[in-house]
Amino acid sequence: MCLTWQIAMVKLAPQFDGSQIQYFSVVLLILFFALCLMPVHCFYFRGRVQLAKTLWNIFISPFGKVR
């Protein structure tokens, strides 16, 4: 959803003068990351934990061994 909004923002930037439309996309990205990091058992908690572990392993892979 955020990628689609970013593409629309680039295509429609001349019509919106590039001011308010950029803030909305940043807010959407922040809300998405907040939802992924939310410690409450809702919105597929185990899936979010597994995603965090996978992203962590990808992040540390250049520095050493990964499980």
C-alpha atoms as a PDB file:
ATOM      1  CA  MET A   1       0.000   0.000   0.000  1.00  0.00           C
ATOM      2  CA  CYS A   2       2.790   2.438   0.856  1.00  0.00           C
ATOM      3  CA  LEU A   3       4.648   1.657  -2.362  1.00  0.00           C
ATOM      4  CA  THR A   4       1.503   2.353  -4.360  1.00  0.00           C
ATOM      5  CA  TRP A   5       1.046   5.646  -2.533  1.00  0.00           C
ATOM      6  CA  GLN A   6       4.670   6.633  -3.179  1.00  0.00           C
ATOM      7  CA  ILE A   7       4.210   6.001  -6.908  1.00  0.00           C
ATOM      8  CA  ALA A   8       1.019   8.045  -6.915  1.00  0.00           C
ATOM      9  CA  MET A   9       2.791  10.815  -5.005  1.00  0.00           C
ATOM     10  CA  VAL A  10       5.540  11.015  -7.629  1.00  0.00           C
ATOM     11  CA  LYS A  11       3.058  11.046 -10.505  1.00  0.00           C
ATOM     12  CA  LEU A  12       0.683  13.586  -8.932  1.00  0.00           C
ATOM     13  CA  ALA A  13       3.238  15.862  -7.214  1.00  0.00           C
ATOM     14  CA  PRO A  14       2.778  18.824  -9.608  1.00  0.00           C
ATOM     15  CA  GLN A  15      -0.961  18.890  -8.880  1.00  0.00           C
ATOM     16  CA  PHE A  16      -0.525  18.948  -5.085  1.00  0.00           C
ATOM     17  CA  ASP A  17       2.463  21.339  -4.946  1.00  0.00           C
ATOM     18  CA  GLY A  18       4.447  18.595  -3.177  1.00  0.00           C
ATOM     19  CA  SER A  19       3.751  19.805   0.364  1.00  0.00           C
ATOM     20  CA  GLN A  20       0.906  17.993   2.119  1.00  0.00           C
ATOM     21  CA  ILE A  21       0.981  14.810   0.083  1.00  0.00           C
ATOM     22  CA  GLN A  22       4.509  13.967   1.270  1.00  0.00           C
ATOM     23  CA  TYR A  23       3.512  14.139   4.928  1.00  0.00           C
ATOM     24  CA  PHE A  24       0.700  11.666   4.391  1.00  0.00           C
ATOM     25  CA  SER A  25       3.023   9.043   2.920  1.00  0.00           C
ATOM     26  CA  VAL A  26       5.477   9.464   5.805  1.00  0.00           C
ATOM     27  CA  VAL A  27       2.634   9.030   8.301  1.00  0.00           C
ATOM     28  CA  LEU A  28       1.544   5.853   6.506  1.00  0.00           C
ATOM     29  CA  LEU A  29       5.062   4.423   6.715  1.00  0.00           C
ATOM     30  CA  ILE A  30       5.325   5.269  10.418  1.00  0.00           C
ATOM     31  CA  LEU A  31       1.954   3.647  11.132  1.00  0.00           C
ATOM     32  CA  PHE A  32       2.990   0.523   9.225  1.00  0.00           C
ATOM     33  CA  PHE A  33       6.212   0.177  11.225  1.00  0.00           C
ATOM     34  CA  ALA A  34       4.353   0.861  14.476  1.00  0.00           C
ATOM     35  CA  LEU A  35       1.875  -1.884  13.608  1.00  0.00           C
ATOM     36  CA  CYS A  36       4.719  -4.307  12.930  1.00  0.00           C
ATOM     37  CA  LEU A  37       6.397  -3.514  16.260  1.00  0.00           C
ATOM     38  CA  MET A  38       3.230  -3.522  18.371  1.00  0.00           C
ATOM     39  CA  PRO A  39       3.712  -6.002  21.265  1.00  0.00           C
ATOM     40  CA  VAL A  40      -0.012  -6.848  21.564  1.00  0.00           C
ATOM     41  CA  HIS A  41      -1.274 -10.302  20.578  1.00  0.00           C
ATOM     42  CA  CYS A  42      -3.330  -9.198  17.601  1.00  0.00           C
ATOM     43  CA  PHE A  43      -2.778  -8.788  13.871  1.00  0.00           C
ATOM     44  CA  TYR A  44      -0.841 -12.048  13.445  1.00  0.00           C
ATOM     45  CA  PHE A  45       1.562 -11.640  16.363  1.00  0.00           C
ATOM     46  CA  ARG A  46       3.522 -14.829  15.640  1.00  0.00           C
ATOM     47  CA  GLY A  47       3.927 -13.790  12.015  1.00  0.00           C
ATOM     48  CA  ARG A  48       5.271 -10.385  13.050  1.00  0.00           C
ATOM     49  CA  VAL A  49       7.713 -11.999  15.476  1.00  0.00           C
ATOM     50  CA  GLN A  50       8.916 -14.377  12.774  1.00  0.00           C
ATOM     51  CA  LEU A  51       9.307 -11.454  10.356  1.00  0.00           C
ATOM     52  CA  ALA A  52      11.365  -9.562  12.936  1.00  0.00           C
ATOM     53  CA  LYS A  53      13.627 -12.587  13.489  1.00  0.00           C
ATOM     54  CA  THR A  54      14.092 -13.053   9.753  1.00  0.00           C
ATOM     55  CA  LEU A  55      14.902  -9.391   9.178  1.00  0.00           C
ATOM     56  CA  TRP A  56      17.334  -9.477  12.103  1.00  0.00           C
ATOM     57  CA  ASN A  57      19.117 -12.501  10.621  1.00  0.00           C
ATOM     58  CA  ILE A  58      19.338 -10.733   7.258  1.00  0.00           C
ATOM     59  CA  PHE A  59      20.739  -7.644   8.975  1.00  0.00           C
ATOM     60  CA  ILE A  60      23.458  -9.516  10.908  1.00  0.00           C
ATOM     61  CA  SER A  61      24.407 -11.914   8.090  1.00  0.00           C
ATOM     62  CA  PRO A  62      27.335  -9.810   6.759  1.00  0.00           C
ATOM     63  CA  PHE A  63      28.935  -9.762  10.220  1.00  0.00           C
ATOM     64  CA  GLY A  64      28.940 -13.448  11.140  1.00  0.00           C
ATOM     65  CA  LYS A  65      27.079 -16.731  11.152  1.00  0.00           C
ATOM     66  CA  VAL A  66      23.294 -16.883  11.099  1.00  0.00           C
ATOM     67  CA  ARG A  67      21.129 -19.746  12.338  1.00  0.00           C
END
